[in-house]
N, C-alpha and C. Protein backbone atom coordinates (compact mmCIF):
# COMPACT_ATOMS: atom_id res chain seq x y z
N UNK A 1 5.39 11.31 -17.54
CA UNK A 1 5.29 9.96 -17.02
C UNK A 1 4.85 9.06 -18.17
N UNK A 2 5.59 8.01 -18.38
CA UNK A 2 5.30 7.09 -19.46
C UNK A 2 4.37 5.97 -19.04
N UNK A 3 3.95 5.19 -20.01
CA UNK A 3 3.06 4.07 -19.74
C UNK A 3 3.74 3.02 -18.89
N UNK A 4 5.06 2.89 -19.03
CA UNK A 4 5.77 1.92 -18.22
C UNK A 4 5.75 2.28 -16.74
N UNK A 5 5.77 3.57 -16.42
CA UNK A 5 5.67 4.01 -15.02
C UNK A 5 4.31 3.68 -14.45
N UNK A 6 3.27 3.86 -15.24
CA UNK A 6 1.91 3.55 -14.78
C UNK A 6 1.78 2.05 -14.54
N UNK A 7 2.35 1.25 -15.41
CA UNK A 7 2.28 -0.20 -15.24
C UNK A 7 3.02 -0.63 -13.98
N UNK A 8 4.17 -0.03 -13.71
CA UNK A 8 4.91 -0.35 -12.48
C UNK A 8 4.11 0.05 -11.26
N UNK A 9 3.47 1.23 -11.28
CA UNK A 9 2.62 1.66 -10.17
C UNK A 9 1.51 0.65 -9.92
N UNK A 10 0.86 0.18 -10.99
CA UNK A 10 -0.24 -0.77 -10.84
C UNK A 10 0.24 -2.11 -10.29
N UNK A 11 1.40 -2.56 -10.74
CA UNK A 11 1.94 -3.84 -10.25
C UNK A 11 2.34 -3.71 -8.78
N UNK A 12 3.04 -2.64 -8.44
CA UNK A 12 3.44 -2.42 -7.04
C UNK A 12 2.19 -2.27 -6.17
N UNK A 13 1.20 -1.52 -6.65
CA UNK A 13 -0.04 -1.34 -5.90
C UNK A 13 -0.77 -2.64 -5.68
N UNK A 14 -0.83 -3.48 -6.71
CA UNK A 14 -1.52 -4.77 -6.58
C UNK A 14 -0.82 -5.68 -5.58
N UNK A 15 0.49 -5.76 -5.66
CA UNK A 15 1.25 -6.62 -4.74
C UNK A 15 1.14 -6.10 -3.31
N UNK A 16 1.30 -4.80 -3.15
CA UNK A 16 1.24 -4.21 -1.81
C UNK A 16 -0.17 -4.34 -1.23
N UNK A 17 -1.19 -4.11 -2.03
CA UNK A 17 -2.56 -4.26 -1.54
C UNK A 17 -2.87 -5.69 -1.17
N UNK A 18 -2.38 -6.63 -1.96
CA UNK A 18 -2.59 -8.05 -1.66
C UNK A 18 -1.90 -8.42 -0.34
N UNK A 19 -0.65 -7.95 -0.16
CA UNK A 19 0.07 -8.22 1.09
C UNK A 19 -0.63 -7.59 2.29
N UNK A 20 -1.11 -6.38 2.11
CA UNK A 20 -1.83 -5.71 3.20
C UNK A 20 -3.12 -6.46 3.52
N UNK A 21 -3.80 -6.97 2.50
CA UNK A 21 -5.01 -7.75 2.72
C UNK A 21 -4.73 -9.04 3.47
N UNK A 22 -3.55 -9.64 3.25
CA UNK A 22 -3.18 -10.84 4.00
C UNK A 22 -2.91 -10.53 5.46
N UNK A 23 -2.27 -9.40 5.72
CA UNK A 23 -1.94 -9.02 7.09
C UNK A 23 -3.19 -8.66 7.87
N UNK A 24 -4.08 -7.87 7.27
CA UNK A 24 -5.32 -7.46 7.92
C UNK A 24 -6.41 -8.40 7.41
N UNK A 25 -6.70 -9.44 8.15
CA UNK A 25 -7.63 -10.48 7.73
C UNK A 25 -9.03 -9.91 7.49
N UNK A 26 -9.66 -10.38 6.43
CA UNK A 26 -11.03 -9.98 6.13
C UNK A 26 -11.16 -8.58 5.57
N UNK A 27 -10.07 -7.98 5.12
CA UNK A 27 -10.13 -6.60 4.65
C UNK A 27 -9.75 -6.48 3.17
N UNK A 28 -9.70 -7.62 2.45
CA UNK A 28 -9.38 -7.56 1.04
C UNK A 28 -10.52 -6.95 0.23
N UNK A 29 -10.20 -6.30 -0.86
CA UNK A 29 -11.20 -5.63 -1.67
C UNK A 29 -11.18 -6.10 -3.11
N UNK A 30 -10.61 -7.25 -3.41
CA UNK A 30 -10.51 -7.72 -4.79
C UNK A 30 -9.31 -7.08 -5.48
N UNK A 31 -9.12 -7.42 -6.76
CA UNK A 31 -7.94 -6.96 -7.48
C UNK A 31 -7.89 -5.44 -7.61
N UNK A 32 -8.95 -4.83 -8.10
CA UNK A 32 -8.94 -3.37 -8.27
C UNK A 32 -8.87 -2.65 -6.93
N UNK A 33 -9.59 -3.15 -5.95
CA UNK A 33 -9.53 -2.54 -4.61
C UNK A 33 -8.15 -2.65 -4.01
N UNK A 34 -7.49 -3.81 -4.21
CA UNK A 34 -6.14 -3.98 -3.69
C UNK A 34 -5.16 -3.03 -4.37
N UNK A 35 -5.33 -2.81 -5.67
CA UNK A 35 -4.46 -1.86 -6.36
C UNK A 35 -4.64 -0.47 -5.78
N UNK A 36 -5.89 -0.08 -5.57
CA UNK A 36 -6.17 1.25 -5.01
C UNK A 36 -5.62 1.36 -3.60
N UNK A 37 -5.84 0.33 -2.77
CA UNK A 37 -5.31 0.34 -1.40
C UNK A 37 -3.78 0.41 -1.43
N UNK A 38 -3.15 -0.33 -2.34
CA UNK A 38 -1.69 -0.30 -2.43
C UNK A 38 -1.16 1.07 -2.84
N UNK A 39 -1.84 1.72 -3.79
CA UNK A 39 -1.39 3.05 -4.22
C UNK A 39 -1.62 4.08 -3.13
N UNK A 40 -2.79 4.03 -2.49
CA UNK A 40 -3.06 4.94 -1.37
C UNK A 40 -2.07 4.66 -0.24
N UNK A 41 -1.80 3.38 0.00
CA UNK A 41 -0.82 3.01 1.03
C UNK A 41 0.56 3.54 0.72
N UNK A 42 0.93 3.55 -0.56
CA UNK A 42 2.23 4.10 -0.95
C UNK A 42 2.31 5.58 -0.63
N UNK A 43 1.21 6.29 -0.87
CA UNK A 43 1.19 7.73 -0.56
C UNK A 43 1.28 7.93 0.95
N UNK A 44 0.50 7.16 1.71
CA UNK A 44 0.51 7.28 3.17
C UNK A 44 1.89 6.95 3.72
N UNK A 45 2.46 5.84 3.28
CA UNK A 45 3.79 5.45 3.77
C UNK A 45 4.87 6.42 3.30
N UNK A 46 4.71 6.95 2.09
CA UNK A 46 5.68 7.92 1.58
C UNK A 46 5.72 9.19 2.40
N UNK A 47 4.61 9.51 3.04
CA UNK A 47 4.59 10.68 3.91
C UNK A 47 4.93 10.31 5.35
N UNK A 48 4.34 9.22 5.86
CA UNK A 48 4.44 8.90 7.28
C UNK A 48 5.81 8.34 7.68
N UNK A 49 6.35 7.42 6.91
CA UNK A 49 7.60 6.78 7.31
C UNK A 49 8.77 7.75 7.43
N UNK A 50 8.96 8.68 6.47
CA UNK A 50 10.05 9.66 6.68
C UNK A 50 9.80 10.57 7.89
N UNK A 51 8.54 10.83 8.22
CA UNK A 51 8.24 11.62 9.41
C UNK A 51 8.70 10.90 10.68
N UNK A 52 8.64 9.57 10.64
CA UNK A 52 9.07 8.76 11.78
C UNK A 52 10.55 8.42 11.74
N UNK A 53 11.24 8.83 10.67
CA UNK A 53 12.67 8.56 10.53
C UNK A 53 12.98 7.18 10.00
N UNK A 54 12.02 6.52 9.37
CA UNK A 54 12.22 5.18 8.84
C UNK A 54 12.57 5.27 7.37
N UNK A 55 13.69 4.68 6.99
CA UNK A 55 14.14 4.63 5.60
C UNK A 55 14.43 3.17 5.26
N UNK A 56 13.75 2.64 4.27
CA UNK A 56 13.92 1.23 3.91
C UNK A 56 14.78 1.03 2.67
N UNK A 57 15.31 2.09 2.10
CA UNK A 57 16.17 1.96 0.94
C UNK A 57 15.47 2.35 -0.34
N UNK A 58 16.03 1.91 -1.46
CA UNK A 58 15.47 2.24 -2.77
C UNK A 58 15.23 0.96 -3.55
N UNK A 59 14.52 1.08 -4.63
CA UNK A 59 14.27 -0.07 -5.50
C UNK A 59 12.84 -0.55 -5.40
N UNK A 60 12.54 -1.53 -6.21
CA UNK A 60 11.17 -2.03 -6.32
C UNK A 60 10.74 -2.78 -5.07
N UNK A 61 11.64 -3.55 -4.47
CA UNK A 61 11.30 -4.30 -3.25
C UNK A 61 10.99 -3.33 -2.12
N UNK A 62 11.78 -2.29 -2.00
CA UNK A 62 11.53 -1.27 -0.98
C UNK A 62 10.20 -0.58 -1.22
N UNK A 63 9.88 -0.31 -2.48
CA UNK A 63 8.60 0.33 -2.81
C UNK A 63 7.44 -0.58 -2.43
N UNK A 64 7.56 -1.87 -2.66
CA UNK A 64 6.50 -2.81 -2.30
C UNK A 64 6.34 -2.88 -0.79
N UNK A 65 7.45 -2.94 -0.06
CA UNK A 65 7.39 -3.00 1.40
C UNK A 65 6.77 -1.72 1.97
N UNK A 66 7.22 -0.56 1.48
CA UNK A 66 6.65 0.71 1.93
C UNK A 66 5.15 0.76 1.64
N UNK A 67 4.76 0.38 0.44
CA UNK A 67 3.35 0.42 0.06
C UNK A 67 2.52 -0.55 0.89
N UNK A 68 3.09 -1.73 1.18
CA UNK A 68 2.37 -2.70 2.00
C UNK A 68 2.17 -2.18 3.42
N UNK A 69 3.19 -1.54 3.97
CA UNK A 69 3.05 -0.94 5.31
C UNK A 69 1.95 0.13 5.29
N UNK A 70 1.98 0.99 4.30
CA UNK A 70 0.95 2.01 4.18
C UNK A 70 -0.42 1.40 3.93
N UNK A 71 -0.47 0.32 3.14
CA UNK A 71 -1.74 -0.36 2.89
C UNK A 71 -2.32 -0.96 4.15
N UNK A 72 -1.47 -1.53 4.99
CA UNK A 72 -1.94 -2.06 6.28
C UNK A 72 -2.54 -0.94 7.13
N UNK A 73 -1.86 0.19 7.15
CA UNK A 73 -2.36 1.34 7.92
C UNK A 73 -3.72 1.77 7.38
N UNK A 74 -3.84 1.85 6.06
CA UNK A 74 -5.11 2.27 5.44
C UNK A 74 -6.21 1.25 5.75
N UNK A 75 -5.91 -0.04 5.65
CA UNK A 75 -6.92 -1.07 5.92
C UNK A 75 -7.37 -1.08 7.37
N UNK A 76 -6.44 -0.85 8.29
CA UNK A 76 -6.81 -0.80 9.71
C UNK A 76 -7.72 0.39 9.96
N UNK A 77 -7.38 1.54 9.38
CA UNK A 77 -8.23 2.72 9.55
C UNK A 77 -9.61 2.47 8.94
N UNK A 78 -9.66 1.87 7.75
CA UNK A 78 -10.94 1.58 7.12
C UNK A 78 -11.78 0.59 7.94
N UNK A 79 -11.14 -0.42 8.53
CA UNK A 79 -11.88 -1.37 9.35
C UNK A 79 -12.40 -0.72 10.62
N UNK A 80 -11.64 0.23 11.18
CA UNK A 80 -12.13 0.96 12.35
C UNK A 80 -13.31 1.86 11.99
N UNK A 81 -13.27 2.47 10.82
CA UNK A 81 -14.38 3.33 10.38
C UNK A 81 -15.61 2.47 10.12
N UNK A 82 -15.45 1.30 9.52
CA UNK A 82 -16.59 0.41 9.26
C UNK A 82 -17.29 -0.02 10.53
N UNK A 83 -16.53 -0.27 11.57
CA UNK A 83 -17.11 -0.73 12.85
C UNK A 83 -17.90 0.37 13.55
N UNK A 84 -17.50 1.61 13.33
CA UNK A 84 -18.15 2.72 14.02
C UNK A 84 -19.49 3.06 13.44
C-alpha cells in the first residue's frame, strides 16, 4: 500500500465522517474524530451493506457514500451507548 492510498483513505474518511456528523446532529468529533468515524464506517458498511444485498457501484463517490452510511450507523450506536 502506497502513501497515495493512505491519503485517499484519509480524505474519504474525513468527508464521510463529516457527512455522517451532519446527518446525526450533535455527534461530530472534530477533524481527526471524523476521519476515524469515516474509516470505521467504511469497514462497517463494507461488511454490512453486501450482507443486505446493497451494491452502490465502484469509484470514489461510491466509497464516500458507503463510508458515510457506515459512519451514520457508527454515530447512532455511539450516541445510544453514551445515553446508557
